[in-house]
């Protein structure tokens, strides 16, 4: 009976979620029932139904359902962008956006790469945006949807998304970025697009540099 229930939950998860969610998200959701069943067998006494709502409430607070199609919380390593300025130079006081800044790790790495830039962070989760605001003094961090917020005023937009989101990143950049602006994507390339440059981070992962709209001639 238990095996049949586990199989049924996994099949239901595969059927309900769209293919765009990615196999790992379907797997995590599908494992919800078997993991909860296994916990009940440990004899911990966790049987009250309301107890199971606590982790769900925490998840919804940190990661709103409207952001589930975006990348989960993947912090940018602190030294990942060291030396990026040599590959993608920016003028002093350039405006740089971390779209989906999470806890602020990408903003801290951008501050190391562009110490004289004006940095901005955008994060859908109110809790994560508050943490990023505390950690990144002097950076304007706003709570908002990276897809609804225009990228038109920025000289560079940094993203650490997931492969399924990169085509959407490119479409938004083409529609909104000003001439000469960079799109900086850590680890994941934009399909069928040739990067303006590629930067190899100190830990070996690639950062793809794009110019959606070519810079205007002098």
N, C-alpha and C. Protein backbone atom coordinates (compact mmCIF):
# COMPACT_ATOMS: atom_id res chain seq x y z
N UNK A 1 0.83 -1.20 0.00
CA UNK A 1 0.00 0.00 0.00
C UNK A 1 0.87 1.26 0.00
N UNK A 2 1.91 1.23 0.87
CA UNK A 2 2.79 2.39 0.94
C UNK A 2 3.50 2.61 -0.40
N UNK A 3 3.98 1.51 -0.99
CA UNK A 3 4.67 1.62 -2.27
C UNK A 3 3.75 2.19 -3.35
N UNK A 4 2.50 1.73 -3.35
CA UNK A 4 1.53 2.24 -4.33
C UNK A 4 1.29 3.73 -4.13
N UNK A 5 1.22 4.17 -2.86
CA UNK A 5 1.01 5.59 -2.58
C UNK A 5 2.19 6.43 -3.02
N UNK A 6 3.40 5.91 -2.79
CA UNK A 6 4.61 6.64 -3.21
C UNK A 6 4.64 6.79 -4.72
N UNK A 7 4.39 5.69 -5.43
CA UNK A 7 4.39 5.73 -6.89
C UNK A 7 3.32 6.70 -7.39
N UNK A 8 2.14 6.66 -6.77
CA UNK A 8 1.06 7.55 -7.18
C UNK A 8 1.44 9.02 -6.98
N UNK A 9 2.10 9.33 -5.86
CA UNK A 9 2.49 10.72 -5.61
C UNK A 9 3.52 11.20 -6.61
N UNK A 10 4.47 10.33 -6.96
CA UNK A 10 5.48 10.71 -7.94
C UNK A 10 4.87 10.93 -9.32
N UNK A 11 3.95 10.05 -9.73
CA UNK A 11 3.30 10.19 -11.02
C UNK A 11 2.44 11.45 -11.06
N UNK A 12 1.76 11.74 -9.96
CA UNK A 12 0.93 12.94 -9.90
C UNK A 12 1.77 14.19 -10.03
N UNK A 13 2.94 14.18 -9.39
CA UNK A 13 3.84 15.33 -9.47
C UNK A 13 4.31 15.56 -10.89
N UNK A 14 4.69 14.48 -11.57
CA UNK A 14 5.14 14.59 -12.96
C UNK A 14 4.04 15.08 -13.87
N UNK A 15 2.79 14.73 -13.56
CA UNK A 15 1.66 15.12 -14.40
C UNK A 15 1.24 16.56 -14.16
N UNK A 16 1.25 16.99 -12.89
CA UNK A 16 0.76 18.32 -12.55
C UNK A 16 1.72 19.40 -12.97
N UNK A 17 3.00 19.21 -12.71
CA UNK A 17 3.98 20.26 -13.00
C UNK A 17 4.32 20.29 -14.48
N UNK A 18 4.53 21.47 -14.99
CA UNK A 18 4.90 21.62 -16.39
C UNK A 18 6.35 21.23 -16.58
N UNK A 19 6.71 20.94 -17.82
CA UNK A 19 8.08 20.54 -18.12
C UNK A 19 9.07 21.65 -17.83
N UNK A 20 8.60 22.90 -17.87
CA UNK A 20 9.49 24.02 -17.62
C UNK A 20 9.98 24.12 -16.20
N UNK A 21 9.39 23.35 -15.29
CA UNK A 21 9.81 23.42 -13.90
C UNK A 21 11.16 22.74 -13.68
N UNK A 22 11.57 21.81 -14.54
CA UNK A 22 12.84 21.14 -14.33
C UNK A 22 12.67 19.86 -13.54
N UNK A 23 13.51 18.88 -13.86
CA UNK A 23 13.35 17.56 -13.22
C UNK A 23 13.60 17.61 -11.74
N UNK A 24 14.53 18.45 -11.26
CA UNK A 24 14.87 18.46 -9.84
C UNK A 24 13.73 19.00 -8.99
N UNK A 25 12.97 19.97 -9.51
CA UNK A 25 11.83 20.49 -8.75
C UNK A 25 10.72 19.45 -8.68
N UNK A 26 10.49 18.74 -9.78
CA UNK A 26 9.48 17.69 -9.76
C UNK A 26 9.88 16.60 -8.78
N UNK A 27 11.18 16.29 -8.74
CA UNK A 27 11.65 15.24 -7.82
C UNK A 27 11.45 15.66 -6.37
N UNK A 28 11.79 16.91 -6.05
CA UNK A 28 11.65 17.38 -4.68
C UNK A 28 10.20 17.34 -4.22
N UNK A 29 9.30 17.78 -5.08
CA UNK A 29 7.89 17.79 -4.72
C UNK A 29 7.34 16.37 -4.63
N UNK A 30 7.80 15.51 -5.54
CA UNK A 30 7.34 14.14 -5.53
C UNK A 30 7.80 13.36 -4.30
N UNK A 31 8.94 13.75 -3.74
CA UNK A 31 9.46 13.07 -2.56
C UNK A 31 8.80 13.53 -1.27
N UNK A 32 7.93 14.53 -1.36
CA UNK A 32 7.28 15.05 -0.15
C UNK A 32 6.54 13.99 0.63
N UNK A 33 5.70 13.20 -0.06
CA UNK A 33 4.93 12.16 0.65
C UNK A 33 5.82 11.08 1.24
N UNK A 34 6.72 10.45 0.46
CA UNK A 34 7.54 9.39 1.07
C UNK A 34 8.41 9.88 2.23
N UNK A 35 8.92 11.11 2.15
CA UNK A 35 9.73 11.62 3.25
C UNK A 35 8.90 11.86 4.50
N UNK A 36 7.70 12.40 4.33
CA UNK A 36 6.83 12.63 5.49
C UNK A 36 6.41 11.30 6.10
N UNK A 37 6.14 10.31 5.26
CA UNK A 37 5.77 8.98 5.78
C UNK A 37 6.92 8.37 6.56
N UNK A 38 8.15 8.51 6.02
CA UNK A 38 9.31 7.96 6.71
C UNK A 38 9.52 8.63 8.06
N UNK A 39 9.29 9.94 8.14
CA UNK A 39 9.45 10.65 9.39
C UNK A 39 8.44 10.17 10.43
N UNK A 40 7.24 9.88 9.98
CA UNK A 40 6.22 9.39 10.92
C UNK A 40 6.59 8.03 11.49
N UNK A 41 7.37 7.27 10.74
CA UNK A 41 7.76 5.94 11.22
C UNK A 41 8.91 5.97 12.23
N UNK A 42 9.50 7.14 12.43
CA UNK A 42 10.63 7.22 13.35
C UNK A 42 10.21 7.25 14.80
N UNK A 43 8.91 7.40 15.05
CA UNK A 43 8.43 7.41 16.43
C UNK A 43 8.67 8.73 17.13
N UNK A 44 8.80 9.82 16.37
CA UNK A 44 9.05 11.12 17.00
C UNK A 44 7.79 11.73 17.58
N UNK A 45 6.64 11.18 17.24
CA UNK A 45 5.39 11.71 17.79
C UNK A 45 4.84 12.88 17.02
N UNK A 46 5.41 13.18 15.85
CA UNK A 46 4.92 14.31 15.04
C UNK A 46 3.72 13.82 14.24
N UNK A 47 2.57 13.95 14.81
CA UNK A 47 1.35 13.45 14.16
C UNK A 47 0.32 14.55 13.95
N UNK A 48 0.42 15.67 14.66
CA UNK A 48 -0.55 16.74 14.49
C UNK A 48 -0.43 17.36 13.10
N UNK A 49 -1.55 17.52 12.44
CA UNK A 49 -1.53 18.01 11.06
C UNK A 49 -0.95 19.41 10.96
N UNK A 50 -1.21 20.27 11.96
CA UNK A 50 -0.75 21.66 11.87
C UNK A 50 0.76 21.77 11.84
N UNK A 51 1.45 20.76 12.41
CA UNK A 51 2.92 20.81 12.44
C UNK A 51 3.49 20.87 11.03
N UNK A 52 2.82 20.18 10.11
CA UNK A 52 3.34 20.13 8.74
C UNK A 52 3.13 21.45 8.00
N UNK A 53 2.33 22.32 8.56
CA UNK A 53 2.12 23.62 7.93
C UNK A 53 3.26 24.60 8.22
N UNK A 54 4.02 24.33 9.29
CA UNK A 54 5.10 25.24 9.66
C UNK A 54 6.18 25.34 8.59
N UNK A 55 6.75 24.22 8.12
CA UNK A 55 7.76 24.36 7.06
C UNK A 55 7.19 24.95 5.78
N UNK A 56 5.90 24.67 5.50
CA UNK A 56 5.28 25.26 4.32
C UNK A 56 5.17 26.77 4.47
N UNK A 57 4.81 27.23 5.67
CA UNK A 57 4.70 28.67 5.90
C UNK A 57 6.06 29.36 5.74
N UNK A 58 7.10 28.72 6.25
CA UNK A 58 8.45 29.28 6.11
C UNK A 58 8.84 29.35 4.64
N UNK A 59 8.55 28.27 3.90
CA UNK A 59 8.88 28.23 2.47
C UNK A 59 8.16 29.33 1.71
N UNK A 60 6.87 29.51 2.00
CA UNK A 60 6.10 30.53 1.29
C UNK A 60 6.58 31.94 1.63
N UNK A 61 7.04 32.12 2.87
CA UNK A 61 7.55 33.42 3.28
C UNK A 61 8.86 33.75 2.57
N UNK A 62 9.73 32.76 2.45
CA UNK A 62 11.03 32.98 1.84
C UNK A 62 10.96 32.94 0.32
N UNK A 63 10.04 32.16 -0.21
CA UNK A 63 10.04 31.88 -1.64
C UNK A 63 8.61 31.90 -2.15
N UNK A 64 8.05 33.07 -2.46
CA UNK A 64 6.64 33.20 -2.87
C UNK A 64 6.34 32.36 -4.10
N UNK A 65 5.12 31.82 -4.20
CA UNK A 65 4.77 30.98 -5.36
C UNK A 65 4.97 31.66 -6.70
N UNK A 66 4.79 32.97 -6.75
CA UNK A 66 4.96 33.69 -8.01
C UNK A 66 6.40 33.68 -8.50
N UNK A 67 7.35 33.29 -7.63
CA UNK A 67 8.76 33.24 -8.02
C UNK A 67 9.24 31.81 -8.25
N UNK A 68 8.34 30.84 -8.22
CA UNK A 68 8.75 29.45 -8.32
C UNK A 68 9.34 29.09 -9.68
N UNK A 69 9.03 29.86 -10.70
CA UNK A 69 9.60 29.58 -12.02
C UNK A 69 11.02 30.14 -12.15
N UNK A 70 11.44 30.98 -11.21
CA UNK A 70 12.79 31.53 -11.24
C UNK A 70 13.75 30.60 -10.51
N UNK A 71 15.02 30.97 -10.52
CA UNK A 71 16.03 30.15 -9.86
C UNK A 71 15.83 30.16 -8.36
N UNK A 72 16.09 29.05 -7.69
CA UNK A 72 16.06 29.05 -6.23
C UNK A 72 17.26 29.83 -5.69
N UNK A 73 17.45 29.77 -4.39
CA UNK A 73 18.51 30.56 -3.76
C UNK A 73 19.88 29.92 -4.01
N UNK A 74 20.62 30.49 -4.97
CA UNK A 74 21.97 30.04 -5.27
C UNK A 74 22.90 31.23 -5.07
N UNK A 75 23.57 31.35 -3.92
CA UNK A 75 24.43 32.51 -3.65
C UNK A 75 25.63 32.56 -4.60
N UNK A 76 25.98 33.77 -5.00
CA UNK A 76 27.19 33.98 -5.78
C UNK A 76 28.39 33.96 -4.86
N UNK A 77 29.43 33.15 -5.16
CA UNK A 77 30.64 33.15 -4.33
C UNK A 77 31.25 34.55 -4.24
N UNK A 78 31.82 34.87 -3.10
CA UNK A 78 32.27 36.25 -2.84
C UNK A 78 33.32 36.74 -3.82
N UNK A 79 34.19 35.85 -4.30
CA UNK A 79 35.28 36.27 -5.20
C UNK A 79 35.00 35.89 -6.65
N UNK A 80 33.77 35.47 -6.95
CA UNK A 80 33.47 34.94 -8.28
C UNK A 80 33.67 35.97 -9.38
N UNK A 81 33.45 37.25 -9.09
CA UNK A 81 33.49 38.28 -10.13
C UNK A 81 34.75 39.12 -10.10
N UNK A 82 35.72 38.74 -9.28
CA UNK A 82 36.98 39.47 -9.25
C UNK A 82 37.62 39.45 -10.64
N UNK A 83 37.99 40.58 -11.15
CA UNK A 83 38.60 40.67 -12.47
C UNK A 83 37.62 40.86 -13.60
N UNK A 84 36.32 40.85 -13.30
CA UNK A 84 35.31 41.01 -14.35
C UNK A 84 35.44 42.36 -15.04
N UNK A 85 35.88 43.36 -14.30
CA UNK A 85 35.96 44.72 -14.86
C UNK A 85 36.91 44.77 -16.06
N UNK A 86 37.91 43.92 -16.08
CA UNK A 86 38.84 43.91 -17.21
C UNK A 86 38.17 43.39 -18.48
N UNK A 87 37.14 42.56 -18.30
CA UNK A 87 36.45 41.96 -19.45
C UNK A 87 35.25 42.81 -19.87
N UNK A 88 34.54 43.33 -18.88
CA UNK A 88 33.34 44.14 -19.14
C UNK A 88 33.49 45.47 -18.41
N UNK A 89 34.25 46.41 -18.97
CA UNK A 89 34.50 47.68 -18.28
C UNK A 89 33.25 48.55 -18.22
N UNK A 90 33.13 49.29 -17.13
CA UNK A 90 32.03 50.23 -16.95
C UNK A 90 32.58 51.58 -16.51
N UNK A 91 31.92 52.65 -16.89
CA UNK A 91 32.35 53.98 -16.48
C UNK A 91 32.05 54.16 -14.99
N UNK A 92 32.74 55.07 -14.31
CA UNK A 92 32.44 55.34 -12.90
C UNK A 92 30.99 55.74 -12.70
N UNK A 93 30.41 55.30 -11.61
CA UNK A 93 29.01 55.57 -11.25
C UNK A 93 28.01 54.91 -12.19
N UNK A 94 28.45 53.89 -12.93
CA UNK A 94 27.53 53.14 -13.77
C UNK A 94 26.48 52.45 -12.91
N UNK A 95 25.29 52.28 -13.44
CA UNK A 95 24.20 51.64 -12.72
C UNK A 95 24.20 50.15 -13.04
N UNK A 96 24.28 49.34 -12.00
CA UNK A 96 24.36 47.89 -12.16
C UNK A 96 23.26 47.24 -11.32
N UNK A 97 22.47 46.39 -11.95
CA UNK A 97 21.36 45.73 -11.28
C UNK A 97 21.66 44.25 -11.08
N UNK A 98 21.43 43.76 -9.86
CA UNK A 98 21.41 42.32 -9.60
C UNK A 98 19.95 41.91 -9.60
N UNK A 99 19.50 41.28 -10.68
CA UNK A 99 18.10 40.90 -10.84
C UNK A 99 17.85 39.55 -10.17
N UNK A 100 17.19 39.59 -9.03
CA UNK A 100 17.01 38.39 -8.22
C UNK A 100 18.18 38.23 -7.27
N UNK A 101 18.38 39.23 -6.40
CA UNK A 101 19.62 39.32 -5.62
C UNK A 101 19.66 38.40 -4.42
N UNK A 102 18.55 37.75 -4.06
CA UNK A 102 18.57 36.82 -2.94
C UNK A 102 19.03 37.48 -1.65
N UNK A 103 20.03 36.88 -1.01
CA UNK A 103 20.57 37.38 0.25
C UNK A 103 21.61 38.46 0.06
N UNK A 104 21.92 38.82 -1.18
CA UNK A 104 22.87 39.90 -1.43
C UNK A 104 24.27 39.47 -1.79
N UNK A 105 24.50 38.16 -1.94
CA UNK A 105 25.85 37.70 -2.25
C UNK A 105 26.34 38.21 -3.60
N UNK A 106 25.43 38.24 -4.59
CA UNK A 106 25.83 38.78 -5.89
C UNK A 106 26.17 40.26 -5.81
N UNK A 107 25.44 41.01 -5.01
CA UNK A 107 25.74 42.43 -4.85
C UNK A 107 27.10 42.64 -4.20
N UNK A 108 27.43 41.82 -3.23
CA UNK A 108 28.74 41.93 -2.59
C UNK A 108 29.86 41.61 -3.57
N UNK A 109 29.65 40.60 -4.42
CA UNK A 109 30.64 40.26 -5.43
C UNK A 109 30.75 41.36 -6.48
N UNK A 110 29.62 41.95 -6.86
CA UNK A 110 29.65 43.05 -7.82
C UNK A 110 30.36 44.27 -7.25
N UNK A 111 30.20 44.50 -5.95
CA UNK A 111 30.87 45.63 -5.30
C UNK A 111 32.38 45.45 -5.33
N UNK A 112 32.85 44.23 -5.26
CA UNK A 112 34.29 43.97 -5.37
C UNK A 112 34.76 44.21 -6.80
N UNK A 113 33.94 43.83 -7.77
CA UNK A 113 34.35 43.97 -9.17
C UNK A 113 34.25 45.41 -9.65
N UNK A 114 33.21 46.13 -9.19
CA UNK A 114 32.97 47.51 -9.62
C UNK A 114 32.80 48.39 -8.38
N UNK A 115 33.89 48.72 -7.70
CA UNK A 115 33.76 49.47 -6.44
C UNK A 115 33.21 50.88 -6.60
N UNK A 116 33.28 51.45 -7.81
CA UNK A 116 32.78 52.81 -8.01
C UNK A 116 31.43 52.83 -8.73
N UNK A 117 30.80 51.69 -8.87
CA UNK A 117 29.49 51.63 -9.52
C UNK A 117 28.37 51.90 -8.51
N UNK A 118 27.20 52.24 -9.03
CA UNK A 118 26.00 52.36 -8.20
C UNK A 118 25.20 51.07 -8.37
N UNK A 119 25.10 50.33 -7.28
CA UNK A 119 24.51 49.01 -7.34
C UNK A 119 23.05 49.04 -6.88
N UNK A 120 22.26 48.21 -7.53
CA UNK A 120 20.83 48.07 -7.20
C UNK A 120 20.50 46.59 -7.14
N UNK A 121 19.63 46.24 -6.18
CA UNK A 121 19.19 44.86 -6.06
C UNK A 121 17.69 44.76 -6.15
N UNK A 122 17.24 43.68 -6.76
CA UNK A 122 15.80 43.44 -6.89
C UNK A 122 15.53 42.00 -6.49
N UNK A 123 14.62 41.81 -5.54
CA UNK A 123 14.33 40.47 -5.01
C UNK A 123 12.84 40.33 -4.74
N UNK A 124 12.26 39.22 -5.18
CA UNK A 124 10.83 38.99 -5.04
C UNK A 124 10.42 38.71 -3.60
N UNK A 125 11.29 38.02 -2.86
CA UNK A 125 10.97 37.67 -1.47
C UNK A 125 11.24 38.85 -0.55
N UNK A 126 10.23 39.23 0.25
CA UNK A 126 10.40 40.36 1.17
C UNK A 126 11.45 40.06 2.22
N UNK A 127 11.50 38.82 2.71
CA UNK A 127 12.47 38.45 3.74
C UNK A 127 13.88 38.50 3.19
N UNK A 128 14.09 37.90 2.01
CA UNK A 128 15.43 37.90 1.42
C UNK A 128 15.87 39.32 1.05
N UNK A 129 14.92 40.13 0.57
CA UNK A 129 15.26 41.52 0.23
C UNK A 129 15.70 42.28 1.48
N UNK A 130 15.03 42.03 2.61
CA UNK A 130 15.41 42.70 3.85
C UNK A 130 16.81 42.28 4.29
N UNK A 131 17.12 40.99 4.19
CA UNK A 131 18.46 40.51 4.57
C UNK A 131 19.51 41.13 3.66
N UNK A 132 19.23 41.17 2.35
CA UNK A 132 20.19 41.77 1.42
C UNK A 132 20.41 43.24 1.72
N UNK A 133 19.34 43.93 2.11
CA UNK A 133 19.43 45.35 2.44
C UNK A 133 20.33 45.56 3.66
N UNK A 134 20.23 44.67 4.65
CA UNK A 134 21.06 44.76 5.85
C UNK A 134 22.51 44.45 5.53
N UNK A 135 22.73 43.45 4.70
CA UNK A 135 24.09 43.02 4.40
C UNK A 135 24.82 43.98 3.47
N UNK A 136 24.09 44.62 2.57
CA UNK A 136 24.71 45.44 1.52
C UNK A 136 24.43 46.92 1.78
N UNK A 137 25.15 47.48 2.69
CA UNK A 137 24.97 48.89 3.04
C UNK A 137 25.33 49.77 1.85
N UNK A 138 24.52 50.78 1.62
CA UNK A 138 24.78 51.68 0.53
C UNK A 138 24.21 51.22 -0.80
N UNK A 139 23.58 50.04 -0.81
CA UNK A 139 22.97 49.52 -2.03
C UNK A 139 21.46 49.64 -1.90
N UNK A 140 20.80 50.09 -2.95
CA UNK A 140 19.35 50.19 -2.93
C UNK A 140 18.76 48.84 -3.33
N UNK A 141 18.19 48.15 -2.37
CA UNK A 141 17.57 46.86 -2.62
C UNK A 141 16.06 47.02 -2.51
N UNK A 142 15.36 46.64 -3.55
CA UNK A 142 13.91 46.76 -3.58
C UNK A 142 13.28 45.38 -3.67
N UNK A 143 12.09 45.26 -3.10
CA UNK A 143 11.31 44.05 -3.28
C UNK A 143 10.49 44.21 -4.56
N UNK A 144 10.61 43.27 -5.46
CA UNK A 144 9.88 43.38 -6.71
C UNK A 144 10.15 42.22 -7.64
N UNK A 145 9.43 42.19 -8.73
CA UNK A 145 9.53 41.14 -9.74
C UNK A 145 10.55 41.56 -10.79
N UNK A 146 11.59 40.76 -10.94
CA UNK A 146 12.64 41.09 -11.91
C UNK A 146 12.13 41.13 -13.34
N UNK A 147 11.03 40.44 -13.61
CA UNK A 147 10.48 40.42 -14.96
C UNK A 147 9.58 41.63 -15.22
N UNK A 148 8.99 42.17 -14.18
CA UNK A 148 8.12 43.34 -14.35
C UNK A 148 8.90 44.65 -14.28
N UNK A 149 10.00 44.65 -13.57
CA UNK A 149 10.82 45.86 -13.40
C UNK A 149 11.64 46.10 -14.66
N UNK A 150 11.61 47.32 -15.19
CA UNK A 150 12.34 47.61 -16.42
C UNK A 150 13.85 47.63 -16.20
N UNK A 151 14.58 47.19 -17.20
CA UNK A 151 16.04 47.20 -17.15
C UNK A 151 16.62 48.37 -17.96
N UNK A 152 15.78 49.30 -18.36
CA UNK A 152 16.19 50.33 -19.32
C UNK A 152 17.25 51.29 -18.79
N UNK A 153 17.31 51.50 -17.47
CA UNK A 153 18.20 52.52 -16.93
C UNK A 153 19.55 51.98 -16.48
N UNK A 154 19.81 50.70 -16.70
CA UNK A 154 21.03 50.10 -16.15
C UNK A 154 22.09 49.91 -17.22
N UNK A 155 23.34 50.07 -16.79
CA UNK A 155 24.48 49.84 -17.68
C UNK A 155 24.90 48.37 -17.70
N UNK A 156 24.46 47.62 -16.70
CA UNK A 156 24.73 46.19 -16.65
C UNK A 156 23.66 45.53 -15.78
N UNK A 157 23.24 44.36 -16.19
CA UNK A 157 22.28 43.56 -15.42
C UNK A 157 22.91 42.20 -15.16
N UNK A 158 23.02 41.85 -13.90
CA UNK A 158 23.62 40.57 -13.50
C UNK A 158 22.52 39.59 -13.12
N UNK A 159 22.61 38.37 -13.66
CA UNK A 159 21.64 37.33 -13.32
C UNK A 159 22.38 36.03 -13.00
N UNK A 160 21.84 35.31 -12.03
CA UNK A 160 22.28 33.94 -11.75
C UNK A 160 21.00 33.12 -11.69
N UNK A 161 20.50 32.81 -12.89
CA UNK A 161 19.21 32.15 -13.02
C UNK A 161 19.39 30.66 -13.24
N UNK A 162 18.52 30.07 -14.01
CA UNK A 162 18.60 28.67 -14.37
C UNK A 162 18.49 28.56 -15.88
N UNK A 163 18.92 27.44 -16.48
CA UNK A 163 18.94 27.36 -17.95
C UNK A 163 17.60 27.65 -18.60
N UNK A 164 16.50 27.21 -17.98
CA UNK A 164 15.18 27.40 -18.57
C UNK A 164 14.76 28.86 -18.65
N UNK A 165 15.40 29.72 -17.85
CA UNK A 165 15.03 31.14 -17.81
C UNK A 165 15.82 32.00 -18.77
N UNK A 166 16.86 31.46 -19.38
CA UNK A 166 17.79 32.32 -20.11
C UNK A 166 17.19 32.90 -21.39
N UNK A 167 16.31 32.17 -22.06
CA UNK A 167 15.66 32.74 -23.24
C UNK A 167 14.80 33.92 -22.85
N UNK A 168 14.15 33.84 -21.70
CA UNK A 168 13.33 34.95 -21.22
C UNK A 168 14.20 36.14 -20.84
N UNK A 169 15.36 35.88 -20.25
CA UNK A 169 16.31 36.95 -19.94
C UNK A 169 16.71 37.68 -21.21
N UNK A 170 17.00 36.93 -22.26
CA UNK A 170 17.44 37.54 -23.51
C UNK A 170 16.33 38.38 -24.15
N UNK A 171 15.12 37.86 -24.14
CA UNK A 171 14.01 38.60 -24.73
C UNK A 171 13.78 39.92 -23.99
N UNK A 172 13.87 39.89 -22.67
CA UNK A 172 13.68 41.11 -21.88
C UNK A 172 14.82 42.09 -22.14
N UNK A 173 16.04 41.57 -22.23
CA UNK A 173 17.19 42.43 -22.47
C UNK A 173 17.10 43.10 -23.83
N UNK A 174 16.69 42.36 -24.86
CA UNK A 174 16.55 42.93 -26.19
C UNK A 174 15.49 44.04 -26.20
N UNK A 175 14.43 43.83 -25.44
CA UNK A 175 13.32 44.78 -25.44
C UNK A 175 13.62 46.03 -24.62
N UNK A 176 14.48 45.93 -23.60
CA UNK A 176 14.59 47.02 -22.64
C UNK A 176 15.99 47.60 -22.45
N UNK A 177 17.04 46.82 -22.64
CA UNK A 177 18.38 47.33 -22.33
C UNK A 177 18.78 48.43 -23.32
N UNK A 178 19.50 49.40 -22.81
CA UNK A 178 19.95 50.50 -23.67
C UNK A 178 21.20 50.07 -24.44
N UNK A 179 21.54 50.77 -25.52
CA UNK A 179 22.72 50.40 -26.31
C UNK A 179 23.99 50.38 -25.46
N UNK A 180 24.76 49.32 -25.63
CA UNK A 180 26.01 49.19 -24.90
C UNK A 180 25.91 48.55 -23.54
N UNK A 181 24.71 48.33 -23.03
CA UNK A 181 24.54 47.72 -21.71
C UNK A 181 24.92 46.24 -21.77
N UNK A 182 25.43 45.74 -20.66
CA UNK A 182 25.80 44.34 -20.55
C UNK A 182 24.71 43.54 -19.86
N UNK A 183 24.59 42.29 -20.26
CA UNK A 183 23.88 41.29 -19.47
C UNK A 183 24.93 40.27 -19.03
N UNK A 184 25.07 40.13 -17.72
CA UNK A 184 26.09 39.26 -17.14
C UNK A 184 25.41 38.04 -16.54
N UNK A 185 25.68 36.86 -17.07
CA UNK A 185 25.02 35.65 -16.61
C UNK A 185 26.04 34.67 -16.06
N UNK A 186 25.94 34.39 -14.77
CA UNK A 186 26.85 33.45 -14.14
C UNK A 186 26.43 32.03 -14.46
N UNK A 187 27.34 31.29 -15.03
CA UNK A 187 27.25 29.84 -15.25
C UNK A 187 26.40 29.41 -16.45
N UNK A 188 25.28 30.08 -16.71
CA UNK A 188 24.38 29.61 -17.76
C UNK A 188 24.39 30.57 -18.95
N UNK A 189 24.61 30.00 -20.13
CA UNK A 189 24.64 30.80 -21.36
C UNK A 189 23.24 30.97 -21.91
N UNK A 190 23.07 31.97 -22.77
CA UNK A 190 21.81 32.19 -23.46
C UNK A 190 21.82 31.34 -24.73
N UNK A 191 20.83 30.49 -24.91
CA UNK A 191 20.83 29.58 -26.07
C UNK A 191 20.89 30.32 -27.40
N UNK A 192 21.71 29.79 -28.29
CA UNK A 192 21.78 30.28 -29.68
C UNK A 192 22.25 31.72 -29.80
N UNK A 193 22.94 32.22 -28.77
CA UNK A 193 23.45 33.59 -28.82
C UNK A 193 24.96 33.58 -28.57
N UNK A 194 25.69 34.36 -29.35
CA UNK A 194 27.14 34.45 -29.19
C UNK A 194 27.46 35.51 -28.15
N UNK A 195 28.19 35.18 -27.09
CA UNK A 195 28.50 36.18 -26.07
C UNK A 195 29.46 37.24 -26.60
N UNK A 196 29.33 38.43 -26.05
CA UNK A 196 30.26 39.51 -26.36
C UNK A 196 31.65 39.18 -25.81
N UNK A 197 31.66 38.51 -24.65
CA UNK A 197 32.91 38.06 -24.03
C UNK A 197 32.55 36.96 -23.02
N UNK A 198 33.56 36.22 -22.61
CA UNK A 198 33.39 35.19 -21.59
C UNK A 198 34.45 35.38 -20.52
N UNK A 199 34.04 35.35 -19.28
CA UNK A 199 34.96 35.51 -18.16
C UNK A 199 34.98 34.22 -17.36
N UNK A 200 36.16 33.72 -17.07
CA UNK A 200 36.30 32.51 -16.26
C UNK A 200 36.53 32.92 -14.82
N UNK A 201 35.58 32.59 -13.97
CA UNK A 201 35.66 32.97 -12.55
C UNK A 201 36.80 32.22 -11.86
N UNK A 202 37.30 32.74 -10.74
CA UNK A 202 38.39 32.08 -10.03
C UNK A 202 38.09 30.63 -9.66
N UNK A 203 36.82 30.28 -9.46
CA UNK A 203 36.49 28.90 -9.10
C UNK A 203 36.26 28.02 -10.33
N UNK A 204 36.46 28.58 -11.53
CA UNK A 204 36.37 27.79 -12.76
C UNK A 204 35.07 27.86 -13.50
N UNK A 205 34.03 28.43 -12.91
CA UNK A 205 32.75 28.51 -13.63
C UNK A 205 32.75 29.70 -14.58
N UNK A 206 32.03 29.61 -15.69
CA UNK A 206 32.02 30.71 -16.66
C UNK A 206 31.00 31.78 -16.31
N UNK A 207 31.31 33.00 -16.70
CA UNK A 207 30.35 34.10 -16.66
C UNK A 207 30.25 34.63 -18.07
N UNK A 208 29.03 34.63 -18.60
CA UNK A 208 28.78 35.00 -19.98
C UNK A 208 28.40 36.48 -20.04
N UNK A 209 29.09 37.21 -20.90
CA UNK A 209 28.86 38.64 -21.05
C UNK A 209 28.22 38.89 -22.42
N UNK A 210 27.04 39.51 -22.39
CA UNK A 210 26.31 39.80 -23.62
C UNK A 210 26.06 41.30 -23.73
N UNK A 211 25.96 41.76 -24.98
CA UNK A 211 25.49 43.10 -25.28
C UNK A 211 24.27 42.97 -26.18
N UNK A 212 23.07 42.98 -25.60
CA UNK A 212 21.86 42.77 -26.41
C UNK A 212 21.70 43.80 -27.52
N UNK A 213 22.09 45.04 -27.24
CA UNK A 213 22.01 46.11 -28.24
C UNK A 213 23.40 46.70 -28.40
N UNK A 214 23.93 46.67 -29.59
CA UNK A 214 25.30 47.13 -29.81
C UNK A 214 25.44 48.60 -29.42
N UNK A 215 26.60 48.93 -28.90
CA UNK A 215 26.87 50.32 -28.51
C UNK A 215 26.85 51.23 -29.74
N UNK A 216 26.33 52.42 -29.56
CA UNK A 216 26.27 53.37 -30.65
C UNK A 216 27.67 53.88 -30.97
N UNK A 217 28.00 54.10 -32.25
CA UNK A 217 29.33 54.62 -32.60
C UNK A 217 29.51 56.04 -32.08
N UNK A 218 30.76 56.37 -31.77
CA UNK A 218 31.08 57.71 -31.28
C UNK A 218 30.88 58.75 -32.38
